[in-house]
Amino acid sequence: MSSNEKNKTTKMNILNSALCNMADLPKKMIKYATPAAFCLIVLGTVLFVVNRTSDNYSSVFDFAWTTLITNGFFVLAEFIIASFVIDILVKKKSQ
């Protein structure tokens, strides 16, 4: 193994141990928010493609579906960041 591969393996092990040692609430936040956000992203993508390929294209719907896709990514990022912050606060409080 090269040093680059060892570096990646070490980083993955650190990330894996950090995620396994999270408190219950942040784990549940990530567990339930991730599929919901991906559902928003997939729904927005499907509707965007349908709007683009249909005969009656609407720029209003185009804007709405791109906004839905963008907001899906924002929801995912917010829940992941919030779960990490809550985990840090819970661990500080328990120490």
PDB file of N, CA and C in Angstrom:
ATOM      1  N   MET A   1       0.832  -1.186   0.000  1.00  0.00           N
ATOM      2  CA  MET A   1       0.000   0.000   0.000  1.00  0.00           C
ATOM      3  C   MET A   1       0.874   1.245   0.000  1.00  0.00           C
ATOM      4  N   SER A   2       0.453   2.192  -0.768  1.00  0.00           N
ATOM      5  CA  SER A   2       1.190   3.449  -0.789  1.00  0.00           C
ATOM      6  C   SER A   2       0.771   4.300   0.401  1.00  0.00           C
ATOM      7  N   SER A   3       1.518   5.361   0.618  1.00  0.00           N
ATOM      8  CA  SER A   3       1.218   6.228   1.760  1.00  0.00           C
ATOM      9  C   SER A   3      -0.117   6.949   1.579  1.00  0.00           C
ATOM     10  N   ASN A   4      -0.489   7.229   0.330  1.00  0.00           N
ATOM     11  CA  ASN A   4      -1.766   7.880   0.050  1.00  0.00           C
ATOM     12  C   ASN A   4      -2.930   6.963   0.430  1.00  0.00           C
ATOM     13  N   GLU A   5      -2.811   5.673   0.114  1.00  0.00           N
ATOM     14  CA  GLU A   5      -3.853   4.717   0.458  1.00  0.00           C
ATOM     15  C   GLU A   5      -3.941   4.522   1.968  1.00  0.00           C
ATOM     16  N   LYS A   6      -2.804   4.524   2.646  1.00  0.00           N
ATOM     17  CA  LYS A   6      -2.793   4.393   4.102  1.00  0.00           C
ATOM     18  C   LYS A   6      -3.447   5.611   4.745  1.00  0.00           C
ATOM     19  N   ASN A   7      -3.177   6.771   4.174  1.00  0.00           N
ATOM     20  CA  ASN A   7      -3.787   8.008   4.657  1.00  0.00           C
ATOM     21  C   ASN A   7      -5.306   7.953   4.542  1.00  0.00           C
ATOM     22  N   LYS A   8      -5.797   7.498   3.394  1.00  0.00           N
ATOM     23  CA  LYS A   8      -7.236   7.395   3.185  1.00  0.00           C
ATOM     24  C   LYS A   8      -7.855   6.383   4.142  1.00  0.00           C
ATOM     25  N   THR A   9      -7.178   5.257   4.339  1.00  0.00           N
ATOM     26  CA  THR A   9      -7.681   4.236   5.250  1.00  0.00           C
ATOM     27  C   THR A   9      -7.733   4.759   6.674  1.00  0.00           C
ATOM     28  N   THR A  10      -6.710   5.488   7.078  1.00  0.00           N
ATOM     29  CA  THR A  10      -6.678   6.058   8.423  1.00  0.00           C
ATOM     30  C   THR A  10      -7.798   7.067   8.609  1.00  0.00           C
ATOM     31  N   LYS A  11      -8.008   7.917   7.617  1.00  0.00           N
ATOM     32  CA  LYS A  11      -9.078   8.909   7.700  1.00  0.00           C
ATOM     33  C   LYS A  11     -10.448   8.240   7.750  1.00  0.00           C
ATOM     34  N   MET A  12     -10.641   7.190   6.983  1.00  0.00           N
ATOM     35  CA  MET A  12     -11.908   6.472   7.003  1.00  0.00           C
ATOM     36  C   MET A  12     -12.141   5.797   8.353  1.00  0.00           C
ATOM     37  N   ASN A  13     -11.088   5.266   8.956  1.00  0.00           N
ATOM     38  CA  ASN A  13     -11.218   4.649  10.273  1.00  0.00           C
ATOM     39  C   ASN A  13     -11.573   5.686  11.332  1.00  0.00           C
ATOM     40  N   ILE A  14     -10.983   6.866  11.249  1.00  0.00           N
ATOM     41  CA  ILE A  14     -11.294   7.940  12.195  1.00  0.00           C
ATOM     42  C   ILE A  14     -12.750   8.369  12.035  1.00  0.00           C
ATOM     43  N   LEU A  15     -13.205   8.535  10.795  1.00  0.00           N
ATOM     44  CA  LEU A  15     -14.586   8.927  10.536  1.00  0.00           C
ATOM     45  C   LEU A  15     -15.554   7.851  11.013  1.00  0.00           C
ATOM     46  N   ASN A  16     -15.228   6.601  10.759  1.00  0.00           N
ATOM     47  CA  ASN A  16     -16.078   5.496  11.181  1.00  0.00           C
ATOM     48  C   ASN A  16     -16.197   5.438  12.698  1.00  0.00           C
ATOM     49  N   SER A  17     -15.096   5.593  13.397  1.00  0.00           N
ATOM     50  CA  SER A  17     -15.151   5.553  14.862  1.00  0.00           C
ATOM     51  C   SER A  17     -15.902   6.760  15.418  1.00  0.00           C
ATOM     52  N   ALA A  18     -15.777   7.921  14.781  1.00  0.00           N
ATOM     53  CA  ALA A  18     -16.502   9.109  15.233  1.00  0.00           C
ATOM     54  C   ALA A  18     -18.005   8.926  15.056  1.00  0.00           C
ATOM     55  N   LEU A  19     -18.414   8.351  13.944  1.00  0.00           N
ATOM     56  CA  LEU A  19     -19.837   8.135  13.713  1.00  0.00           C
ATOM     57  C   LEU A  19     -20.408   7.046  14.622  1.00  0.00           C
ATOM     58  N   CYS A  20     -19.616   6.031  14.916  1.00  0.00           N
ATOM     59  CA  CYS A  20     -20.088   4.954  15.792  1.00  0.00           C
ATOM     60  C   CYS A  20     -20.205   5.418  17.243  1.00  0.00           C
ATOM     61  N   ASN A  21     -19.419   6.393  17.644  1.00  0.00           N
ATOM     62  CA  ASN A  21     -19.422   6.865  19.029  1.00  0.00           C
ATOM     63  C   ASN A  21     -20.349   8.055  19.253  1.00  0.00           C
ATOM     64  N   MET A  22     -21.225   8.346  18.298  1.00  0.00           N
ATOM     65  CA  MET A  22     -22.153   9.467  18.448  1.00  0.00           C
ATOM     66  C   MET A  22     -23.250   9.111  19.446  1.00  0.00           C
ATOM     67  N   ALA A  23     -23.857  10.140  20.010  1.00  0.00           N
ATOM     68  CA  ALA A  23     -24.998   9.944  20.903  1.00  0.00           C
ATOM     69  C   ALA A  23     -26.215   9.500  20.088  1.00  0.00           C
ATOM     70  N   ASP A  24     -27.265   9.077  20.786  1.00  0.00           N
ATOM     71  CA  ASP A  24     -28.430   8.522  20.096  1.00  0.00           C
ATOM     72  C   ASP A  24     -29.205   9.560  19.279  1.00  0.00           C
ATOM     73  N   LEU A  25     -29.414  10.746  19.834  1.00  0.00           N
ATOM     74  CA  LEU A  25     -30.189  11.764  19.122  1.00  0.00           C
ATOM     75  C   LEU A  25     -29.544  12.173  17.793  1.00  0.00           C
ATOM     76  N   PRO A  26     -28.247  12.473  17.762  1.00  0.00           N
ATOM     77  CA  PRO A  26     -27.647  12.815  16.459  1.00  0.00           C
ATOM     78  C   PRO A  26     -27.674  11.661  15.464  1.00  0.00           C
ATOM     79  N   LYS A  27     -27.529  10.433  15.957  1.00  0.00           N
ATOM     80  CA  LYS A  27     -27.616   9.284  15.053  1.00  0.00           C
ATOM     81  C   LYS A  27     -29.002   9.195  14.431  1.00  0.00           C
ATOM     82  N   LYS A  28     -30.037   9.417  15.254  1.00  0.00           N
ATOM     83  CA  LYS A  28     -31.403   9.366  14.737  1.00  0.00           C
ATOM     84  C   LYS A  28     -31.668  10.514  13.776  1.00  0.00           C
ATOM     85  N   MET A  29     -31.090  11.677  14.066  1.00  0.00           N
ATOM     86  CA  MET A  29     -31.259  12.811  13.158  1.00  0.00           C
ATOM     87  C   MET A  29     -30.694  12.489  11.784  1.00  0.00           C
ATOM     88  N   ILE A  30     -29.511  11.923  11.748  1.00  0.00           N
ATOM     89  CA  ILE A  30     -28.898  11.566  10.470  1.00  0.00           C
ATOM     90  C   ILE A  30     -29.672  10.430   9.809  1.00  0.00           C
ATOM     91  N   LYS A  31     -30.093   9.457  10.616  1.00  0.00           N
ATOM     92  CA  LYS A  31     -30.792   8.286  10.084  1.00  0.00           C
ATOM     93  C   LYS A  31     -32.096   8.660   9.394  1.00  0.00           C
ATOM     94  N   TYR A  32     -32.863   9.584   9.965  1.00  0.00           N
ATOM     95  CA  TYR A  32     -34.168   9.917   9.406  1.00  0.00           C
ATOM     96  C   TYR A  32     -34.131  11.121   8.469  1.00  0.00           C
ATOM     97  N   ALA A  33     -33.188  12.001   8.620  1.00  0.00           N
ATOM     98  CA  ALA A  33     -33.131  13.183   7.760  1.00  0.00           C
ATOM     99  C   ALA A  33     -32.525  12.871   6.397  1.00  0.00           C
ATOM    100  N   THR A  34     -31.603  11.929   6.348  1.00  0.00           N
ATOM    101  CA  THR A  34     -30.950  11.608   5.083  1.00  0.00           C
ATOM    102  C   THR A  34     -31.935  11.068   4.044  1.00  0.00           C
ATOM    103  N   PRO A  35     -32.761  10.067   4.375  1.00  0.00           N
ATOM    104  CA  PRO A  35     -33.730   9.621   3.361  1.00  0.00           C
ATOM    105  C   PRO A  35     -34.757  10.692   2.979  1.00  0.00           C
ATOM    106  N   ALA A  36     -35.154  11.507   3.943  1.00  0.00           N
ATOM    107  CA  ALA A  36     -36.122  12.568   3.635  1.00  0.00           C
ATOM    108  C   ALA A  36     -35.519  13.586   2.671  1.00  0.00           C
ATOM    109  N   ALA A  37     -34.264  13.968   2.903  1.00  0.00           N
ATOM    110  CA  ALA A  37     -33.609  14.930   2.015  1.00  0.00           C
ATOM    111  C   ALA A  37     -33.381  14.323   0.635  1.00  0.00           C
ATOM    112  N   PHE A  38     -32.980  13.062   0.591  1.00  0.00           N
ATOM    113  CA  PHE A  38     -32.792  12.415  -0.706  1.00  0.00           C
ATOM    114  C   PHE A  38     -34.123  12.264  -1.443  1.00  0.00           C
ATOM    115  N   CYS A  39     -35.205  12.083  -0.699  1.00  0.00           N
ATOM    116  CA  CYS A  39     -36.527  12.017  -1.315  1.00  0.00           C
ATOM    117  C   CYS A  39     -36.868  13.355  -1.974  1.00  0.00           C
ATOM    118  N   LEU A  40     -36.578  14.459  -1.289  1.00  0.00           N
ATOM    119  CA  LEU A  40     -36.799  15.784  -1.882  1.00  0.00           C
ATOM    120  C   LEU A  40     -35.957  15.970  -3.141  1.00  0.00           C
ATOM    121  N   ILE A  41     -34.715  15.545  -3.079  1.00  0.00           N
ATOM    122  CA  ILE A  41     -33.811  15.702  -4.225  1.00  0.00           C
ATOM    123  C   ILE A  41     -34.295  14.875  -5.410  1.00  0.00           C
ATOM    124  N   VAL A  42     -34.672  13.620  -5.152  1.00  0.00           N
ATOM    125  CA  VAL A  42     -35.131  12.745  -6.232  1.00  0.00           C
ATOM    126  C   VAL A  42     -36.447  13.251  -6.814  1.00  0.00           C
ATOM    127  N   LEU A  43     -37.364  13.660  -5.949  1.00  0.00           N
ATOM    128  CA  LEU A  43     -38.644  14.180  -6.419  1.00  0.00           C
ATOM    129  C   LEU A  43     -38.435  15.425  -7.285  1.00  0.00           C
ATOM    130  N   GLY A  44     -37.600  16.332  -6.830  1.00  0.00           N
ATOM    131  CA  GLY A  44     -37.315  17.529  -7.609  1.00  0.00           C
ATOM    132  C   GLY A  44     -36.653  17.218  -8.938  1.00  0.00           C
ATOM    133  N   THR A  45     -35.749  16.244  -8.933  1.00  0.00           N
ATOM    134  CA  THR A  45     -35.056  15.863 -10.164  1.00  0.00           C
ATOM    135  C   THR A  45     -36.019  15.244 -11.165  1.00  0.00           C
ATOM    136  N   VAL A  46     -36.872  14.348 -10.686  1.00  0.00           N
ATOM    137  CA  VAL A  46     -37.843  13.708 -11.584  1.00  0.00           C
ATOM    138  C   VAL A  46     -38.785  14.747 -12.177  1.00  0.00           C
ATOM    139  N   LEU A  47     -39.301  15.633 -11.351  1.00  0.00           N
ATOM    140  CA  LEU A  47     -40.212  16.659 -11.856  1.00  0.00           C
ATOM    141  C   LEU A  47     -39.504  17.641 -12.792  1.00  0.00           C
ATOM    142  N   PHE A  48     -38.239  17.917 -12.532  1.00  0.00           N
ATOM    143  CA  PHE A  48     -37.452  18.788 -13.408  1.00  0.00           C
ATOM    144  C   PHE A  48     -37.296  18.150 -14.787  1.00  0.00           C
ATOM    145  N   VAL A  49     -36.966  16.869 -14.802  1.00  0.00           N
ATOM    146  CA  VAL A  49     -36.787  16.164 -16.076  1.00  0.00           C
ATOM    147  C   VAL A  49     -38.110  16.069 -16.822  1.00  0.00           C
ATOM    148  N   VAL A  50     -39.189  15.779 -16.107  1.00  0.00           N
ATOM    149  CA  VAL A  50     -40.503  15.703 -16.756  1.00  0.00           C
ATOM    150  C   VAL A  50     -40.870  17.051 -17.355  1.00  0.00           C
ATOM    151  N   ASN A  51     -40.617  18.123 -16.638  1.00  0.00           N
ATOM    152  CA  ASN A  51     -40.936  19.457 -17.154  1.00  0.00           C
ATOM    153  C   ASN A  51     -40.100  19.785 -18.389  1.00  0.00           C
ATOM    154  N   ARG A  52     -38.827  19.425 -18.352  1.00  0.00           N
ATOM    155  CA  ARG A  52     -37.948  19.742 -19.490  1.00  0.00           C
ATOM    156  C   ARG A  52     -38.294  18.931 -20.726  1.00  0.00           C
ATOM    157  N   THR A  53     -38.750  17.690 -20.535  1.00  0.00           N
ATOM    158  CA  THR A  53     -39.006  16.833 -21.695  1.00  0.00           C
ATOM    159  C   THR A  53     -40.445  16.901 -22.194  1.00  0.00           C
ATOM    160  N   SER A  54     -41.324  17.573 -21.466  1.00  0.00           N
ATOM    161  CA  SER A  54     -42.721  17.643 -21.900  1.00  0.00           C
ATOM    162  C   SER A  54     -42.898  18.718 -22.972  1.00  0.00           C
ATOM    163  N   ASP A  55     -44.021  18.647 -23.650  1.00  0.00           N
ATOM    164  CA  ASP A  55     -44.300  19.605 -24.711  1.00  0.00           C
ATOM    165  C   ASP A  55     -44.676  20.978 -24.164  1.00  0.00           C
ATOM    166  N   ASN A  56     -45.284  21.009 -22.991  1.00  0.00           N
ATOM    167  CA  ASN A  56     -45.693  22.294 -22.415  1.00  0.00           C
ATOM    168  C   ASN A  56     -44.726  22.699 -21.296  1.00  0.00           C
ATOM    169  N   TYR A  57     -43.546  23.116 -21.700  1.00  0.00           N
ATOM    170  CA  TYR A  57     -42.503  23.549 -20.764  1.00  0.00           C
ATOM    171  C   TYR A  57     -42.936  24.824 -20.054  1.00  0.00           C
ATOM    172  N   SER A  58     -42.677  24.876 -18.742  1.00  0.00           N
ATOM    173  CA  SER A  58     -43.026  26.054 -17.962  1.00  0.00           C
ATOM    174  C   SER A  58     -41.797  26.517 -17.181  1.00  0.00           C
ATOM    175  N   SER A  59     -41.440  27.775 -17.349  1.00  0.00           N
ATOM    176  CA  SER A  59     -40.285  28.303 -16.631  1.00  0.00           C
ATOM    177  C   SER A  59     -40.569  28.449 -15.141  1.00  0.00           C
ATOM    178  N   VAL A  60     -41.834  28.622 -14.784  1.00  0.00           N
ATOM    179  CA  VAL A  60     -42.204  28.716 -13.365  1.00  0.00           C
ATOM    180  C   VAL A  60     -41.958  27.373 -12.681  1.00  0.00           C
ATOM    181  N   PHE A  61     -42.402  26.286 -13.314  1.00  0.00           N
ATOM    182  CA  PHE A  61     -42.160  24.966 -12.750  1.00  0.00           C
ATOM    183  C   PHE A  61     -40.676  24.620 -12.762  1.00  0.00           C
ATOM    184  N   ASP A  62     -39.972  25.076 -13.779  1.00  0.00           N
ATOM    185  CA  ASP A  62     -38.531  24.860 -13.837  1.00  0.00           C
ATOM    186  C   ASP A  62     -37.852  25.471 -12.611  1.00  0.00           C
ATOM    187  N   PHE A  63     -38.240  26.693 -12.289  1.00  0.00           N
ATOM    188  CA  PHE A  63     -37.695  27.364 -11.104  1.00  0.00           C
ATOM    189  C   PHE A  63     -38.102  26.635  -9.824  1.00  0.00           C
ATOM    190  N   ALA A  64     -39.352  26.186  -9.759  1.00  0.00           N
ATOM    191  CA  ALA A  64     -39.836  25.496  -8.553  1.00  0.00           C
ATOM    192  C   ALA A  64     -39.089  24.191  -8.332  1.00  0.00           C
ATOM    193  N   TRP A  65     -38.848  23.437  -9.380  1.00  0.00           N
ATOM    194  CA  TRP A  65     -38.181  22.137  -9.208  1.00  0.00           C
ATOM    195  C   TRP A  65     -36.701  22.320  -8.895  1.00  0.00           C
ATOM    196  N   THR A  66     -36.049  23.298  -9.504  1.00  0.00           N
ATOM    197  CA  THR A  66     -34.644  23.533  -9.148  1.00  0.00           C
ATOM    198  C   THR A  66     -34.527  24.029  -7.709  1.00  0.00           C
ATOM    199  N   THR A  67     -35.510  24.799  -7.262  1.00  0.00           N
ATOM    200  CA  THR A  67     -35.521  25.241  -5.871  1.00  0.00           C
ATOM    201  C   THR A  67     -35.719  24.055  -4.931  1.00  0.00           C
ATOM    202  N   LEU A  68     -36.575  23.124  -5.314  1.00  0.00           N
ATOM    203  CA  LEU A  68     -36.803  21.925  -4.499  1.00  0.00           C
ATOM    204  C   LEU A  68     -35.530  21.090  -4.401  1.00  0.00           C
ATOM    205  N   ILE A  69     -34.819  20.942  -5.490  1.00  0.00           N
ATOM    206  CA  ILE A  69     -33.562  20.192  -5.474  1.00  0.00           C
ATOM    207  C   ILE A  69     -32.541  20.885  -4.570  1.00  0.00           C
ATOM    208  N   THR A  70     -32.401  22.186  -4.734  1.00  0.00           N
ATOM    209  CA  THR A  70     -31.456  22.954  -3.923  1.00  0.00           C
ATOM    210  C   THR A  70     -31.801  22.871  -2.447  1.00  0.00           C
ATOM    211  N   ASN A  71     -33.079  23.007  -2.127  1.00  0.00           N
ATOM    212  CA  ASN A  71     -33.494  22.932  -0.728  1.00  0.00           C
ATOM    213  C   ASN A  71     -33.293  21.545  -0.147  1.00  0.00           C
ATOM    214  N   GLY A  72     -33.394  20.509  -0.960  1.00  0.00           N
ATOM    215  CA  GLY A  72     -33.095  19.157  -0.490  1.00  0.00           C
ATOM    216  C   GLY A  72     -31.650  19.039  -0.033  1.00  0.00           C
ATOM    217  N   PHE A  73     -30.740  19.622  -0.801  1.00  0.00           N
ATOM    218  CA  PHE A  73     -29.328  19.606  -0.404  1.00  0.00           C
ATOM    219  C   PHE A  73     -29.106  20.447   0.855  1.00  0.00           C
ATOM    220  N   PHE A  74     -29.791  21.577   0.942  1.00  0.00           N
ATOM    221  CA  PHE A  74     -29.662  22.418   2.137  1.00  0.00           C
ATOM    222  C   PHE A  74     -30.166  21.702   3.385  1.00  0.00           C
ATOM    223  N   VAL A  75     -31.294  21.024   3.273  1.00  0.00           N
ATOM    224  CA  VAL A  75     -31.851  20.286   4.419  1.00  0.00           C
ATOM    225  C   VAL A  75     -30.881  19.197   4.854  1.00  0.00           C
ATOM    226  N   LEU A  76     -30.323  18.486   3.901  1.00  0.00           N
ATOM    227  CA  LEU A  76     -29.361  17.436   4.226  1.00  0.00           C
ATOM    228  C   LEU A  76     -28.146  18.013   4.942  1.00  0.00           C
ATOM    229  N   ALA A  77     -27.598  19.083   4.422  1.00  0.00           N
ATOM    230  CA  ALA A  77     -26.417  19.700   5.037  1.00  0.00           C
ATOM    231  C   ALA A  77     -26.734  20.244   6.423  1.00  0.00           C
ATOM    232  N   GLU A  78     -27.882  20.876   6.576  1.00  0.00           N
ATOM    233  CA  GLU A  78     -28.244  21.438   7.880  1.00  0.00           C
ATOM    234  C   GLU A  78     -28.417  20.356   8.926  1.00  0.00           C
ATOM    235  N   PHE A  79     -29.062  19.256   8.575  1.00  0.00           N
ATOM    236  CA  PHE A  79     -29.244  18.191   9.551  1.00  0.00           C
ATOM    237  C   PHE A  79     -27.930  17.509   9.914  1.00  0.00           C
ATOM    238  N   ILE A  80     -27.051  17.335   8.952  1.00  0.00           N
ATOM    239  CA  ILE A  80     -25.759  16.712   9.260  1.00  0.00           C
ATOM    240  C   ILE A  80     -24.939  17.626  10.170  1.00  0.00           C
ATOM    241  N   ILE A  81     -24.876  18.900   9.839  1.00  0.00           N
ATOM    242  CA  ILE A  81     -24.117  19.838  10.674  1.00  0.00           C
ATOM    243  C   ILE A  81     -24.743  19.955  12.052  1.00  0.00           C
ATOM    244  N   ALA A  82     -26.079  20.040  12.117  1.00  0.00           N
ATOM    245  CA  ALA A  82     -26.747  20.152  13.411  1.00  0.00           C
ATOM    246  C   ALA A  82     -26.538  18.907  14.261  1.00  0.00           C
ATOM    247  N   SER A  83     -26.527  17.740  13.645  1.00  0.00           N
ATOM    248  CA  SER A  83     -26.318  16.519  14.422  1.00  0.00           C
ATOM    249  C   SER A  83     -24.903  16.455  14.983  1.00  0.00           C
ATOM    250  N   PHE A  84     -23.925  16.935  14.216  1.00  0.00           N
ATOM    251  CA  PHE A  84     -22.553  16.961  14.745  1.00  0.00           C
ATOM    252  C   PHE A  84     -22.425  17.970  15.885  1.00  0.00           C
ATOM    253  N   VAL A  85     -23.058  19.118  15.748  1.00  0.00           N
ATOM    254  CA  VAL A  85     -23.001  20.127  16.815  1.00  0.00           C
ATOM    255  C   VAL A  85     -23.694  19.610  18.070  1.00  0.00           C
ATOM    256  N   ILE A  86     -24.854  18.997  17.914  1.00  0.00           N
ATOM    257  CA  ILE A  86     -25.558  18.440  19.073  1.00  0.00           C
ATOM    258  C   ILE A  86     -24.731  17.349  19.731  1.00  0.00           C
ATOM    259  N   ASP A  87     -24.078  16.526  18.933  1.00  0.00           N
ATOM    260  CA  ASP A  87     -23.235  15.472  19.498  1.00  0.00           C
ATOM    261  C   ASP A  87     -22.095  16.073  20.313  1.00  0.00           C
ATOM    262  N   ILE A  88     -21.485  17.124  19.803  1.00  0.00           N
ATOM    263  CA  ILE A  88     -20.395  17.777  20.538  1.00  0.00           C
ATOM    264  C   ILE A  88     -20.905  18.360  21.845  1.00  0.00           C
ATOM    265  N   LEU A  89     -22.080  19.000  21.805  1.00  0.00           N
ATOM    266  CA  LEU A  89     -22.647  19.590  23.015  1.00  0.00           C
ATOM    267  C   LEU A  89     -23.047  18.523  24.043  1.00  0.00           C
ATOM    268  N   VAL A  90     -23.601  17.408  23.579  1.00  0.00           N
ATOM    269  CA  VAL A  90     -23.975  16.336  24.488  1.00  0.00           C
ATOM    270  C   VAL A  90     -22.739  15.726  25.136  1.00  0.00           C
ATOM    271  N   LYS A  91     -21.697  15.559  24.374  1.00  0.00           N
ATOM    272  CA  LYS A  91     -20.464  14.985  24.933  1.00  0.00           C
ATOM    273  C   LYS A  91     -19.802  15.932  25.923  1.00  0.00           C
ATOM    274  N   LYS A  92     -19.841  17.240  25.659  1.00  0.00           N
ATOM    275  CA  LYS A  92     -19.266  18.208  26.593  1.00  0.00           C
ATOM    276  C   LYS A  92     -20.061  18.246  27.894  1.00  0.00           C
ATOM    277  N   LYS A  93     -21.378  18.138  27.773  1.00  0.00           N
ATOM    278  CA  LYS A  93     -22.228  18.185  28.957  1.00  0.00           C
ATOM    279  C   LYS A  93     -22.043  16.942  29.830  1.00  0.00           C
ATOM    280  N   SER A  94     -21.799  15.800  29.196  1.00  0.00           N
ATOM    281  CA  SER A  94     -21.666  14.553  29.963  1.00  0.00           C
ATOM    282  C   SER A  94     -20.292  14.426  30.617  1.00  0.00           C
ATOM    283  N   GLN A  95     -19.330  15.232  30.209  1.00  0.00           N
ATOM    284  CA  GLN A  95     -17.978  15.123  30.789  1.00  0.00           C
ATOM    285  C   GLN A  95     -17.866  15.816  32.074  1.00  0.00           C
TER     286      GLN A  95
END
